[in-house]
Amino acid sequence: AYDGSRYRELREKSWLNLWDSMDP
């Protein structure tokens, strides 16, 4: 659980590292 104001910054790095095939 986390502060929603941090969501976009956190997901950008996380998703690209976790899902190699993800289109930025």
PDBML (XML) file of the C-alpha atoms, coordinates in Angstrom:
<?xml version="1.0" encoding="UTF-8" ?>
<PDBx:datablock datablockName="MODEL"
   xmlns:PDBx="http://pdbml.pdb.org/schema/pdbx-v50.xsd"
   xmlns:xsi="http://www.w3.org/2001/XMLSchema-instance"
   xsi:schemaLocation="http://pdbml.pdb.org/schema/pdbx-v50.xsd pdbx-v50.xsd">
   <PDBx:atom_siteCategory>
      <PDBx:atom_site id="1">
         <PDBx:B_iso_or_equiv>0.00</PDBx:B_iso_or_equiv>
         <PDBx:Cartn_x>0.000</PDBx:Cartn_x>
         <PDBx:Cartn_y>0.000</PDBx:Cartn_y>
         <PDBx:Cartn_z>0.000</PDBx:Cartn_z>
         <PDBx:auth_asym_id>A</PDBx:auth_asym_id>
         <PDBx:auth_atom_id>CA</PDBx:auth_atom_id>
         <PDBx:auth_comp_id>ALA</PDBx:auth_comp_id>
         <PDBx:auth_seq_id>1</PDBx:auth_seq_id>
         <PDBx:group_PDB>ATOM</PDBx:group_PDB>
         <PDBx:label_alt_id xsi:nil="true" />
         <PDBx:label_asym_id>A</PDBx:label_asym_id>
         <PDBx:label_atom_id>CA</PDBx:label_atom_id>
         <PDBx:label_comp_id>ALA</PDBx:label_comp_id>
         <PDBx:label_entity_id>1</PDBx:label_entity_id>
         <PDBx:label_seq_id>1</PDBx:label_seq_id>
         <PDBx:occupancy>1.00</PDBx:occupancy>
         <PDBx:pdbx_PDB_model_num>1</PDBx:pdbx_PDB_model_num>
         <PDBx:type_symbol>C</PDBx:type_symbol>
      </PDBx:atom_site>
      <PDBx:atom_site id="2">
         <PDBx:B_iso_or_equiv>0.00</PDBx:B_iso_or_equiv>
         <PDBx:Cartn_x>1.273</PDBx:Cartn_x>
         <PDBx:Cartn_y>3.489</PDBx:Cartn_y>
         <PDBx:Cartn_z>-0.850</PDBx:Cartn_z>
         <PDBx:auth_asym_id>A</PDBx:auth_asym_id>
         <PDBx:auth_atom_id>CA</PDBx:auth_atom_id>
         <PDBx:auth_comp_id>TYR</PDBx:auth_comp_id>
         <PDBx:auth_seq_id>2</PDBx:auth_seq_id>
         <PDBx:group_PDB>ATOM</PDBx:group_PDB>
         <PDBx:label_alt_id xsi:nil="true" />
         <PDBx:label_asym_id>A</PDBx:label_asym_id>
         <PDBx:label_atom_id>CA</PDBx:label_atom_id>
         <PDBx:label_comp_id>TYR</PDBx:label_comp_id>
         <PDBx:label_entity_id>1</PDBx:label_entity_id>
         <PDBx:label_seq_id>2</PDBx:label_seq_id>
         <PDBx:occupancy>1.00</PDBx:occupancy>
         <PDBx:pdbx_PDB_model_num>1</PDBx:pdbx_PDB_model_num>
         <PDBx:type_symbol>C</PDBx:type_symbol>
      </PDBx:atom_site>
      <PDBx:atom_site id="3">
         <PDBx:B_iso_or_equiv>0.00</PDBx:B_iso_or_equiv>
         <PDBx:Cartn_x>0.386</PDBx:Cartn_x>
         <PDBx:Cartn_y>7.132</PDBx:Cartn_y>
         <PDBx:Cartn_z>-1.375</PDBx:Cartn_z>
         <PDBx:auth_asym_id>A</PDBx:auth_asym_id>
         <PDBx:auth_atom_id>CA</PDBx:auth_atom_id>
         <PDBx:auth_comp_id>ASP</PDBx:auth_comp_id>
         <PDBx:auth_seq_id>3</PDBx:auth_seq_id>
         <PDBx:group_PDB>ATOM</PDBx:group_PDB>
         <PDBx:label_alt_id xsi:nil="true" />
         <PDBx:label_asym_id>A</PDBx:label_asym_id>
         <PDBx:label_atom_id>CA</PDBx:label_atom_id>
         <PDBx:label_comp_id>ASP</PDBx:label_comp_id>
         <PDBx:label_entity_id>1</PDBx:label_entity_id>
         <PDBx:label_seq_id>3</PDBx:label_seq_id>
         <PDBx:occupancy>1.00</PDBx:occupancy>
         <PDBx:pdbx_PDB_model_num>1</PDBx:pdbx_PDB_model_num>
         <PDBx:type_symbol>C</PDBx:type_symbol>
      </PDBx:atom_site>
      <PDBx:atom_site id="4">
         <PDBx:B_iso_or_equiv>0.00</PDBx:B_iso_or_equiv>
         <PDBx:Cartn_x>-1.404</PDBx:Cartn_x>
         <PDBx:Cartn_y>7.460</PDBx:Cartn_y>
         <PDBx:Cartn_z>-4.720</PDBx:Cartn_z>
         <PDBx:auth_asym_id>A</PDBx:auth_asym_id>
         <PDBx:auth_atom_id>CA</PDBx:auth_atom_id>
         <PDBx:auth_comp_id>GLY</PDBx:auth_comp_id>
         <PDBx:auth_seq_id>4</PDBx:auth_seq_id>
         <PDBx:group_PDB>ATOM</PDBx:group_PDB>
         <PDBx:label_alt_id xsi:nil="true" />
         <PDBx:label_asym_id>A</PDBx:label_asym_id>
         <PDBx:label_atom_id>CA</PDBx:label_atom_id>
         <PDBx:label_comp_id>GLY</PDBx:label_comp_id>
         <PDBx:label_entity_id>1</PDBx:label_entity_id>
         <PDBx:label_seq_id>4</PDBx:label_seq_id>
         <PDBx:occupancy>1.00</PDBx:occupancy>
         <PDBx:pdbx_PDB_model_num>1</PDBx:pdbx_PDB_model_num>
         <PDBx:type_symbol>C</PDBx:type_symbol>
      </PDBx:atom_site>
      <PDBx:atom_site id="5">
         <PDBx:B_iso_or_equiv>0.00</PDBx:B_iso_or_equiv>
         <PDBx:Cartn_x>0.514</PDBx:Cartn_x>
         <PDBx:Cartn_y>10.640</PDBx:Cartn_y>
         <PDBx:Cartn_z>-5.532</PDBx:Cartn_z>
         <PDBx:auth_asym_id>A</PDBx:auth_asym_id>
         <PDBx:auth_atom_id>CA</PDBx:auth_atom_id>
         <PDBx:auth_comp_id>SER</PDBx:auth_comp_id>
         <PDBx:auth_seq_id>5</PDBx:auth_seq_id>
         <PDBx:group_PDB>ATOM</PDBx:group_PDB>
         <PDBx:label_alt_id xsi:nil="true" />
         <PDBx:label_asym_id>A</PDBx:label_asym_id>
         <PDBx:label_atom_id>CA</PDBx:label_atom_id>
         <PDBx:label_comp_id>SER</PDBx:label_comp_id>
         <PDBx:label_entity_id>1</PDBx:label_entity_id>
         <PDBx:label_seq_id>5</PDBx:label_seq_id>
         <PDBx:occupancy>1.00</PDBx:occupancy>
         <PDBx:pdbx_PDB_model_num>1</PDBx:pdbx_PDB_model_num>
         <PDBx:type_symbol>C</PDBx:type_symbol>
      </PDBx:atom_site>
      <PDBx:atom_site id="6">
         <PDBx:B_iso_or_equiv>0.00</PDBx:B_iso_or_equiv>
         <PDBx:Cartn_x>3.587</PDBx:Cartn_x>
         <PDBx:Cartn_y>8.418</PDBx:Cartn_y>
         <PDBx:Cartn_z>-6.079</PDBx:Cartn_z>
         <PDBx:auth_asym_id>A</PDBx:auth_asym_id>
         <PDBx:auth_atom_id>CA</PDBx:auth_atom_id>
         <PDBx:auth_comp_id>ARG</PDBx:auth_comp_id>
         <PDBx:auth_seq_id>6</PDBx:auth_seq_id>
         <PDBx:group_PDB>ATOM</PDBx:group_PDB>
         <PDBx:label_alt_id xsi:nil="true" />
         <PDBx:label_asym_id>A</PDBx:label_asym_id>
         <PDBx:label_atom_id>CA</PDBx:label_atom_id>
         <PDBx:label_comp_id>ARG</PDBx:label_comp_id>
         <PDBx:label_entity_id>1</PDBx:label_entity_id>
         <PDBx:label_seq_id>6</PDBx:label_seq_id>
         <PDBx:occupancy>1.00</PDBx:occupancy>
         <PDBx:pdbx_PDB_model_num>1</PDBx:pdbx_PDB_model_num>
         <PDBx:type_symbol>C</PDBx:type_symbol>
      </PDBx:atom_site>
      <PDBx:atom_site id="7">
         <PDBx:B_iso_or_equiv>0.00</PDBx:B_iso_or_equiv>
         <PDBx:Cartn_x>1.836</PDBx:Cartn_x>
         <PDBx:Cartn_y>5.918</PDBx:Cartn_y>
         <PDBx:Cartn_z>-8.329</PDBx:Cartn_z>
         <PDBx:auth_asym_id>A</PDBx:auth_asym_id>
         <PDBx:auth_atom_id>CA</PDBx:auth_atom_id>
         <PDBx:auth_comp_id>TYR</PDBx:auth_comp_id>
         <PDBx:auth_seq_id>7</PDBx:auth_seq_id>
         <PDBx:group_PDB>ATOM</PDBx:group_PDB>
         <PDBx:label_alt_id xsi:nil="true" />
         <PDBx:label_asym_id>A</PDBx:label_asym_id>
         <PDBx:label_atom_id>CA</PDBx:label_atom_id>
         <PDBx:label_comp_id>TYR</PDBx:label_comp_id>
         <PDBx:label_entity_id>1</PDBx:label_entity_id>
         <PDBx:label_seq_id>7</PDBx:label_seq_id>
         <PDBx:occupancy>1.00</PDBx:occupancy>
         <PDBx:pdbx_PDB_model_num>1</PDBx:pdbx_PDB_model_num>
         <PDBx:type_symbol>C</PDBx:type_symbol>
      </PDBx:atom_site>
      <PDBx:atom_site id="8">
         <PDBx:B_iso_or_equiv>0.00</PDBx:B_iso_or_equiv>
         <PDBx:Cartn_x>2.930</PDBx:Cartn_x>
         <PDBx:Cartn_y>7.099</PDBx:Cartn_y>
         <PDBx:Cartn_z>-11.791</PDBx:Cartn_z>
         <PDBx:auth_asym_id>A</PDBx:auth_asym_id>
         <PDBx:auth_atom_id>CA</PDBx:auth_atom_id>
         <PDBx:auth_comp_id>ARG</PDBx:auth_comp_id>
         <PDBx:auth_seq_id>8</PDBx:auth_seq_id>
         <PDBx:group_PDB>ATOM</PDBx:group_PDB>
         <PDBx:label_alt_id xsi:nil="true" />
         <PDBx:label_asym_id>A</PDBx:label_asym_id>
         <PDBx:label_atom_id>CA</PDBx:label_atom_id>
         <PDBx:label_comp_id>ARG</PDBx:label_comp_id>
         <PDBx:label_entity_id>1</PDBx:label_entity_id>
         <PDBx:label_seq_id>8</PDBx:label_seq_id>
         <PDBx:occupancy>1.00</PDBx:occupancy>
         <PDBx:pdbx_PDB_model_num>1</PDBx:pdbx_PDB_model_num>
         <PDBx:type_symbol>C</PDBx:type_symbol>
      </PDBx:atom_site>
      <PDBx:atom_site id="9">
         <PDBx:B_iso_or_equiv>0.00</PDBx:B_iso_or_equiv>
         <PDBx:Cartn_x>6.599</PDBx:Cartn_x>
         <PDBx:Cartn_y>7.466</PDBx:Cartn_y>
         <PDBx:Cartn_z>-10.853</PDBx:Cartn_z>
         <PDBx:auth_asym_id>A</PDBx:auth_asym_id>
         <PDBx:auth_atom_id>CA</PDBx:auth_atom_id>
         <PDBx:auth_comp_id>GLU</PDBx:auth_comp_id>
         <PDBx:auth_seq_id>9</PDBx:auth_seq_id>
         <PDBx:group_PDB>ATOM</PDBx:group_PDB>
         <PDBx:label_alt_id xsi:nil="true" />
         <PDBx:label_asym_id>A</PDBx:label_asym_id>
         <PDBx:label_atom_id>CA</PDBx:label_atom_id>
         <PDBx:label_comp_id>GLU</PDBx:label_comp_id>
         <PDBx:label_entity_id>1</PDBx:label_entity_id>
         <PDBx:label_seq_id>9</PDBx:label_seq_id>
         <PDBx:occupancy>1.00</PDBx:occupancy>
         <PDBx:pdbx_PDB_model_num>1</PDBx:pdbx_PDB_model_num>
         <PDBx:type_symbol>C</PDBx:type_symbol>
      </PDBx:atom_site>
      <PDBx:atom_site id="10">
         <PDBx:B_iso_or_equiv>0.00</PDBx:B_iso_or_equiv>
         <PDBx:Cartn_x>6.643</PDBx:Cartn_x>
         <PDBx:Cartn_y>4.064</PDBx:Cartn_y>
         <PDBx:Cartn_z>-9.138</PDBx:Cartn_z>
         <PDBx:auth_asym_id>A</PDBx:auth_asym_id>
         <PDBx:auth_atom_id>CA</PDBx:auth_atom_id>
         <PDBx:auth_comp_id>LEU</PDBx:auth_comp_id>
         <PDBx:auth_seq_id>10</PDBx:auth_seq_id>
         <PDBx:group_PDB>ATOM</PDBx:group_PDB>
         <PDBx:label_alt_id xsi:nil="true" />
         <PDBx:label_asym_id>A</PDBx:label_asym_id>
         <PDBx:label_atom_id>CA</PDBx:label_atom_id>
         <PDBx:label_comp_id>LEU</PDBx:label_comp_id>
         <PDBx:label_entity_id>1</PDBx:label_entity_id>
         <PDBx:label_seq_id>10</PDBx:label_seq_id>
         <PDBx:occupancy>1.00</PDBx:occupancy>
         <PDBx:pdbx_PDB_model_num>1</PDBx:pdbx_PDB_model_num>
         <PDBx:type_symbol>C</PDBx:type_symbol>
      </PDBx:atom_site>
      <PDBx:atom_site id="11">
         <PDBx:B_iso_or_equiv>0.00</PDBx:B_iso_or_equiv>
         <PDBx:Cartn_x>4.841</PDBx:Cartn_x>
         <PDBx:Cartn_y>2.132</PDBx:Cartn_y>
         <PDBx:Cartn_z>-11.860</PDBx:Cartn_z>
         <PDBx:auth_asym_id>A</PDBx:auth_asym_id>
         <PDBx:auth_atom_id>CA</PDBx:auth_atom_id>
         <PDBx:auth_comp_id>ARG</PDBx:auth_comp_id>
         <PDBx:auth_seq_id>11</PDBx:auth_seq_id>
         <PDBx:group_PDB>ATOM</PDBx:group_PDB>
         <PDBx:label_alt_id xsi:nil="true" />
         <PDBx:label_asym_id>A</PDBx:label_asym_id>
         <PDBx:label_atom_id>CA</PDBx:label_atom_id>
         <PDBx:label_comp_id>ARG</PDBx:label_comp_id>
         <PDBx:label_entity_id>1</PDBx:label_entity_id>
         <PDBx:label_seq_id>11</PDBx:label_seq_id>
         <PDBx:occupancy>1.00</PDBx:occupancy>
         <PDBx:pdbx_PDB_model_num>1</PDBx:pdbx_PDB_model_num>
         <PDBx:type_symbol>C</PDBx:type_symbol>
      </PDBx:atom_site>
      <PDBx:atom_site id="12">
         <PDBx:B_iso_or_equiv>0.00</PDBx:B_iso_or_equiv>
         <PDBx:Cartn_x>6.967</PDBx:Cartn_x>
         <PDBx:Cartn_y>3.436</PDBx:Cartn_y>
         <PDBx:Cartn_z>-14.737</PDBx:Cartn_z>
         <PDBx:auth_asym_id>A</PDBx:auth_asym_id>
         <PDBx:auth_atom_id>CA</PDBx:auth_atom_id>
         <PDBx:auth_comp_id>GLU</PDBx:auth_comp_id>
         <PDBx:auth_seq_id>12</PDBx:auth_seq_id>
         <PDBx:group_PDB>ATOM</PDBx:group_PDB>
         <PDBx:label_alt_id xsi:nil="true" />
         <PDBx:label_asym_id>A</PDBx:label_asym_id>
         <PDBx:label_atom_id>CA</PDBx:label_atom_id>
         <PDBx:label_comp_id>GLU</PDBx:label_comp_id>
         <PDBx:label_entity_id>1</PDBx:label_entity_id>
         <PDBx:label_seq_id>12</PDBx:label_seq_id>
         <PDBx:occupancy>1.00</PDBx:occupancy>
         <PDBx:pdbx_PDB_model_num>1</PDBx:pdbx_PDB_model_num>
         <PDBx:type_symbol>C</PDBx:type_symbol>
      </PDBx:atom_site>
      <PDBx:atom_site id="13">
         <PDBx:B_iso_or_equiv>0.00</PDBx:B_iso_or_equiv>
         <PDBx:Cartn_x>10.171</PDBx:Cartn_x>
         <PDBx:Cartn_y>1.858</PDBx:Cartn_y>
         <PDBx:Cartn_z>-13.496</PDBx:Cartn_z>
         <PDBx:auth_asym_id>A</PDBx:auth_asym_id>
         <PDBx:auth_atom_id>CA</PDBx:auth_atom_id>
         <PDBx:auth_comp_id>LYS</PDBx:auth_comp_id>
         <PDBx:auth_seq_id>13</PDBx:auth_seq_id>
         <PDBx:group_PDB>ATOM</PDBx:group_PDB>
         <PDBx:label_alt_id xsi:nil="true" />
         <PDBx:label_asym_id>A</PDBx:label_asym_id>
         <PDBx:label_atom_id>CA</PDBx:label_atom_id>
         <PDBx:label_comp_id>LYS</PDBx:label_comp_id>
         <PDBx:label_entity_id>1</PDBx:label_entity_id>
         <PDBx:label_seq_id>13</PDBx:label_seq_id>
         <PDBx:occupancy>1.00</PDBx:occupancy>
         <PDBx:pdbx_PDB_model_num>1</PDBx:pdbx_PDB_model_num>
         <PDBx:type_symbol>C</PDBx:type_symbol>
      </PDBx:atom_site>
      <PDBx:atom_site id="14">
         <PDBx:B_iso_or_equiv>0.00</PDBx:B_iso_or_equiv>
         <PDBx:Cartn_x>8.517</PDBx:Cartn_x>
         <PDBx:Cartn_y>-1.194</PDBx:Cartn_y>
         <PDBx:Cartn_z>-11.976</PDBx:Cartn_z>
         <PDBx:auth_asym_id>A</PDBx:auth_asym_id>
         <PDBx:auth_atom_id>CA</PDBx:auth_atom_id>
         <PDBx:auth_comp_id>SER</PDBx:auth_comp_id>
         <PDBx:auth_seq_id>14</PDBx:auth_seq_id>
         <PDBx:group_PDB>ATOM</PDBx:group_PDB>
         <PDBx:label_alt_id xsi:nil="true" />
         <PDBx:label_asym_id>A</PDBx:label_asym_id>
         <PDBx:label_atom_id>CA</PDBx:label_atom_id>
         <PDBx:label_comp_id>SER</PDBx:label_comp_id>
         <PDBx:label_entity_id>1</PDBx:label_entity_id>
         <PDBx:label_seq_id>14</PDBx:label_seq_id>
         <PDBx:occupancy>1.00</PDBx:occupancy>
         <PDBx:pdbx_PDB_model_num>1</PDBx:pdbx_PDB_model_num>
         <PDBx:type_symbol>C</PDBx:type_symbol>
      </PDBx:atom_site>
      <PDBx:atom_site id="15">
         <PDBx:B_iso_or_equiv>0.00</PDBx:B_iso_or_equiv>
         <PDBx:Cartn_x>6.402</PDBx:Cartn_x>
         <PDBx:Cartn_y>-2.253</PDBx:Cartn_y>
         <PDBx:Cartn_z>-14.931</PDBx:Cartn_z>
         <PDBx:auth_asym_id>A</PDBx:auth_asym_id>
         <PDBx:auth_atom_id>CA</PDBx:auth_atom_id>
         <PDBx:auth_comp_id>TRP</PDBx:auth_comp_id>
         <PDBx:auth_seq_id>15</PDBx:auth_seq_id>
         <PDBx:group_PDB>ATOM</PDBx:group_PDB>
         <PDBx:label_alt_id xsi:nil="true" />
         <PDBx:label_asym_id>A</PDBx:label_asym_id>
         <PDBx:label_atom_id>CA</PDBx:label_atom_id>
         <PDBx:label_comp_id>TRP</PDBx:label_comp_id>
         <PDBx:label_entity_id>1</PDBx:label_entity_id>
         <PDBx:label_seq_id>15</PDBx:label_seq_id>
         <PDBx:occupancy>1.00</PDBx:occupancy>
         <PDBx:pdbx_PDB_model_num>1</PDBx:pdbx_PDB_model_num>
         <PDBx:type_symbol>C</PDBx:type_symbol>
      </PDBx:atom_site>
      <PDBx:atom_site id="16">
         <PDBx:B_iso_or_equiv>0.00</PDBx:B_iso_or_equiv>
         <PDBx:Cartn_x>9.189</PDBx:Cartn_x>
         <PDBx:Cartn_y>-1.898</PDBx:Cartn_y>
         <PDBx:Cartn_z>-17.488</PDBx:Cartn_z>
         <PDBx:auth_asym_id>A</PDBx:auth_asym_id>
         <PDBx:auth_atom_id>CA</PDBx:auth_atom_id>
         <PDBx:auth_comp_id>LEU</PDBx:auth_comp_id>
         <PDBx:auth_seq_id>16</PDBx:auth_seq_id>
         <PDBx:group_PDB>ATOM</PDBx:group_PDB>
         <PDBx:label_alt_id xsi:nil="true" />
         <PDBx:label_asym_id>A</PDBx:label_asym_id>
         <PDBx:label_atom_id>CA</PDBx:label_atom_id>
         <PDBx:label_comp_id>LEU</PDBx:label_comp_id>
         <PDBx:label_entity_id>1</PDBx:label_entity_id>
         <PDBx:label_seq_id>16</PDBx:label_seq_id>
         <PDBx:occupancy>1.00</PDBx:occupancy>
         <PDBx:pdbx_PDB_model_num>1</PDBx:pdbx_PDB_model_num>
         <PDBx:type_symbol>C</PDBx:type_symbol>
      </PDBx:atom_site>
      <PDBx:atom_site id="17">
         <PDBx:B_iso_or_equiv>0.00</PDBx:B_iso_or_equiv>
         <PDBx:Cartn_x>11.503</PDBx:Cartn_x>
         <PDBx:Cartn_y>-3.993</PDBx:Cartn_y>
         <PDBx:Cartn_z>-15.292</PDBx:Cartn_z>
         <PDBx:auth_asym_id>A</PDBx:auth_asym_id>
         <PDBx:auth_atom_id>CA</PDBx:auth_atom_id>
         <PDBx:auth_comp_id>ASN</PDBx:auth_comp_id>
         <PDBx:auth_seq_id>17</PDBx:auth_seq_id>
         <PDBx:group_PDB>ATOM</PDBx:group_PDB>
         <PDBx:label_alt_id xsi:nil="true" />
         <PDBx:label_asym_id>A</PDBx:label_asym_id>
         <PDBx:label_atom_id>CA</PDBx:label_atom_id>
         <PDBx:label_comp_id>ASN</PDBx:label_comp_id>
         <PDBx:label_entity_id>1</PDBx:label_entity_id>
         <PDBx:label_seq_id>17</PDBx:label_seq_id>
         <PDBx:occupancy>1.00</PDBx:occupancy>
         <PDBx:pdbx_PDB_model_num>1</PDBx:pdbx_PDB_model_num>
         <PDBx:type_symbol>C</PDBx:type_symbol>
      </PDBx:atom_site>
      <PDBx:atom_site id="18">
         <PDBx:B_iso_or_equiv>0.00</PDBx:B_iso_or_equiv>
         <PDBx:Cartn_x>8.916</PDBx:Cartn_x>
         <PDBx:Cartn_y>-6.677</PDBx:Cartn_y>
         <PDBx:Cartn_z>-14.505</PDBx:Cartn_z>
         <PDBx:auth_asym_id>A</PDBx:auth_asym_id>
         <PDBx:auth_atom_id>CA</PDBx:auth_atom_id>
         <PDBx:auth_comp_id>LEU</PDBx:auth_comp_id>
         <PDBx:auth_seq_id>18</PDBx:auth_seq_id>
         <PDBx:group_PDB>ATOM</PDBx:group_PDB>
         <PDBx:label_alt_id xsi:nil="true" />
         <PDBx:label_asym_id>A</PDBx:label_asym_id>
         <PDBx:label_atom_id>CA</PDBx:label_atom_id>
         <PDBx:label_comp_id>LEU</PDBx:label_comp_id>
         <PDBx:label_entity_id>1</PDBx:label_entity_id>
         <PDBx:label_seq_id>18</PDBx:label_seq_id>
         <PDBx:occupancy>1.00</PDBx:occupancy>
         <PDBx:pdbx_PDB_model_num>1</PDBx:pdbx_PDB_model_num>
         <PDBx:type_symbol>C</PDBx:type_symbol>
      </PDBx:atom_site>
      <PDBx:atom_site id="19">
         <PDBx:B_iso_or_equiv>0.00</PDBx:B_iso_or_equiv>
         <PDBx:Cartn_x>7.323</PDBx:Cartn_x>
         <PDBx:Cartn_y>-7.096</PDBx:Cartn_y>
         <PDBx:Cartn_z>-17.917</PDBx:Cartn_z>
         <PDBx:auth_asym_id>A</PDBx:auth_asym_id>
         <PDBx:auth_atom_id>CA</PDBx:auth_atom_id>
         <PDBx:auth_comp_id>TRP</PDBx:auth_comp_id>
         <PDBx:auth_seq_id>19</PDBx:auth_seq_id>
         <PDBx:group_PDB>ATOM</PDBx:group_PDB>
         <PDBx:label_alt_id xsi:nil="true" />
         <PDBx:label_asym_id>A</PDBx:label_asym_id>
         <PDBx:label_atom_id>CA</PDBx:label_atom_id>
         <PDBx:label_comp_id>TRP</PDBx:label_comp_id>
         <PDBx:label_entity_id>1</PDBx:label_entity_id>
         <PDBx:label_seq_id>19</PDBx:label_seq_id>
         <PDBx:occupancy>1.00</PDBx:occupancy>
         <PDBx:pdbx_PDB_model_num>1</PDBx:pdbx_PDB_model_num>
         <PDBx:type_symbol>C</PDBx:type_symbol>
      </PDBx:atom_site>
      <PDBx:atom_site id="20">
         <PDBx:B_iso_or_equiv>0.00</PDBx:B_iso_or_equiv>
         <PDBx:Cartn_x>10.050</PDBx:Cartn_x>
         <PDBx:Cartn_y>-7.146</PDBx:Cartn_y>
         <PDBx:Cartn_z>-20.573</PDBx:Cartn_z>
         <PDBx:auth_asym_id>A</PDBx:auth_asym_id>
         <PDBx:auth_atom_id>CA</PDBx:auth_atom_id>
         <PDBx:auth_comp_id>ASP</PDBx:auth_comp_id>
         <PDBx:auth_seq_id>20</PDBx:auth_seq_id>
         <PDBx:group_PDB>ATOM</PDBx:group_PDB>
         <PDBx:label_alt_id xsi:nil="true" />
         <PDBx:label_asym_id>A</PDBx:label_asym_id>
         <PDBx:label_atom_id>CA</PDBx:label_atom_id>
         <PDBx:label_comp_id>ASP</PDBx:label_comp_id>
         <PDBx:label_entity_id>1</PDBx:label_entity_id>
         <PDBx:label_seq_id>20</PDBx:label_seq_id>
         <PDBx:occupancy>1.00</PDBx:occupancy>
         <PDBx:pdbx_PDB_model_num>1</PDBx:pdbx_PDB_model_num>
         <PDBx:type_symbol>C</PDBx:type_symbol>
      </PDBx:atom_site>
      <PDBx:atom_site id="21">
         <PDBx:B_iso_or_equiv>0.00</PDBx:B_iso_or_equiv>
         <PDBx:Cartn_x>7.539</PDBx:Cartn_x>
         <PDBx:Cartn_y>-7.157</PDBx:Cartn_y>
         <PDBx:Cartn_z>-23.410</PDBx:Cartn_z>
         <PDBx:auth_asym_id>A</PDBx:auth_asym_id>
         <PDBx:auth_atom_id>CA</PDBx:auth_atom_id>
         <PDBx:auth_comp_id>SER</PDBx:auth_comp_id>
         <PDBx:auth_seq_id>21</PDBx:auth_seq_id>
         <PDBx:group_PDB>ATOM</PDBx:group_PDB>
         <PDBx:label_alt_id xsi:nil="true" />
         <PDBx:label_asym_id>A</PDBx:label_asym_id>
         <PDBx:label_atom_id>CA</PDBx:label_atom_id>
         <PDBx:label_comp_id>SER</PDBx:label_comp_id>
         <PDBx:label_entity_id>1</PDBx:label_entity_id>
         <PDBx:label_seq_id>21</PDBx:label_seq_id>
         <PDBx:occupancy>1.00</PDBx:occupancy>
         <PDBx:pdbx_PDB_model_num>1</PDBx:pdbx_PDB_model_num>
         <PDBx:type_symbol>C</PDBx:type_symbol>
      </PDBx:atom_site>
      <PDBx:atom_site id="22">
         <PDBx:B_iso_or_equiv>0.00</PDBx:B_iso_or_equiv>
         <PDBx:Cartn_x>5.668</PDBx:Cartn_x>
         <PDBx:Cartn_y>-4.069</PDBx:Cartn_y>
         <PDBx:Cartn_z>-22.158</PDBx:Cartn_z>
         <PDBx:auth_asym_id>A</PDBx:auth_asym_id>
         <PDBx:auth_atom_id>CA</PDBx:auth_atom_id>
         <PDBx:auth_comp_id>MET</PDBx:auth_comp_id>
         <PDBx:auth_seq_id>22</PDBx:auth_seq_id>
         <PDBx:group_PDB>ATOM</PDBx:group_PDB>
         <PDBx:label_alt_id xsi:nil="true" />
         <PDBx:label_asym_id>A</PDBx:label_asym_id>
         <PDBx:label_atom_id>CA</PDBx:label_atom_id>
         <PDBx:label_comp_id>MET</PDBx:label_comp_id>
         <PDBx:label_entity_id>1</PDBx:label_entity_id>
         <PDBx:label_seq_id>22</PDBx:label_seq_id>
         <PDBx:occupancy>1.00</PDBx:occupancy>
         <PDBx:pdbx_PDB_model_num>1</PDBx:pdbx_PDB_model_num>
         <PDBx:type_symbol>C</PDBx:type_symbol>
      </PDBx:atom_site>
      <PDBx:atom_site id="23">
         <PDBx:B_iso_or_equiv>0.00</PDBx:B_iso_or_equiv>
         <PDBx:Cartn_x>5.516</PDBx:Cartn_x>
         <PDBx:Cartn_y>-1.225</PDBx:Cartn_y>
         <PDBx:Cartn_z>-24.620</PDBx:Cartn_z>
         <PDBx:auth_asym_id>A</PDBx:auth_asym_id>
         <PDBx:auth_atom_id>CA</PDBx:auth_atom_id>
         <PDBx:auth_comp_id>ASP</PDBx:auth_comp_id>
         <PDBx:auth_seq_id>23</PDBx:auth_seq_id>
         <PDBx:group_PDB>ATOM</PDBx:group_PDB>
         <PDBx:label_alt_id xsi:nil="true" />
         <PDBx:label_asym_id>A</PDBx:label_asym_id>
         <PDBx:label_atom_id>CA</PDBx:label_atom_id>
         <PDBx:label_comp_id>ASP</PDBx:label_comp_id>
         <PDBx:label_entity_id>1</PDBx:label_entity_id>
         <PDBx:label_seq_id>23</PDBx:label_seq_id>
         <PDBx:occupancy>1.00</PDBx:occupancy>
         <PDBx:pdbx_PDB_model_num>1</PDBx:pdbx_PDB_model_num>
         <PDBx:type_symbol>C</PDBx:type_symbol>
      </PDBx:atom_site>
      <PDBx:atom_site id="24">
         <PDBx:B_iso_or_equiv>0.00</PDBx:B_iso_or_equiv>
         <PDBx:Cartn_x>6.540</PDBx:Cartn_x>
         <PDBx:Cartn_y>2.018</PDBx:Cartn_y>
         <PDBx:Cartn_z>-22.847</PDBx:Cartn_z>
         <PDBx:auth_asym_id>A</PDBx:auth_asym_id>
         <PDBx:auth_atom_id>CA</PDBx:auth_atom_id>
         <PDBx:auth_comp_id>PRO</PDBx:auth_comp_id>
         <PDBx:auth_seq_id>24</PDBx:auth_seq_id>
         <PDBx:group_PDB>ATOM</PDBx:group_PDB>
         <PDBx:label_alt_id xsi:nil="true" />
         <PDBx:label_asym_id>A</PDBx:label_asym_id>
         <PDBx:label_atom_id>CA</PDBx:label_atom_id>
         <PDBx:label_comp_id>PRO</PDBx:label_comp_id>
         <PDBx:label_entity_id>1</PDBx:label_entity_id>
         <PDBx:label_seq_id>24</PDBx:label_seq_id>
         <PDBx:occupancy>1.00</PDBx:occupancy>
         <PDBx:pdbx_PDB_model_num>1</PDBx:pdbx_PDB_model_num>
         <PDBx:type_symbol>C</PDBx:type_symbol>
      </PDBx:atom_site>
   </PDBx:atom_siteCategory>
</PDBx:datablock>
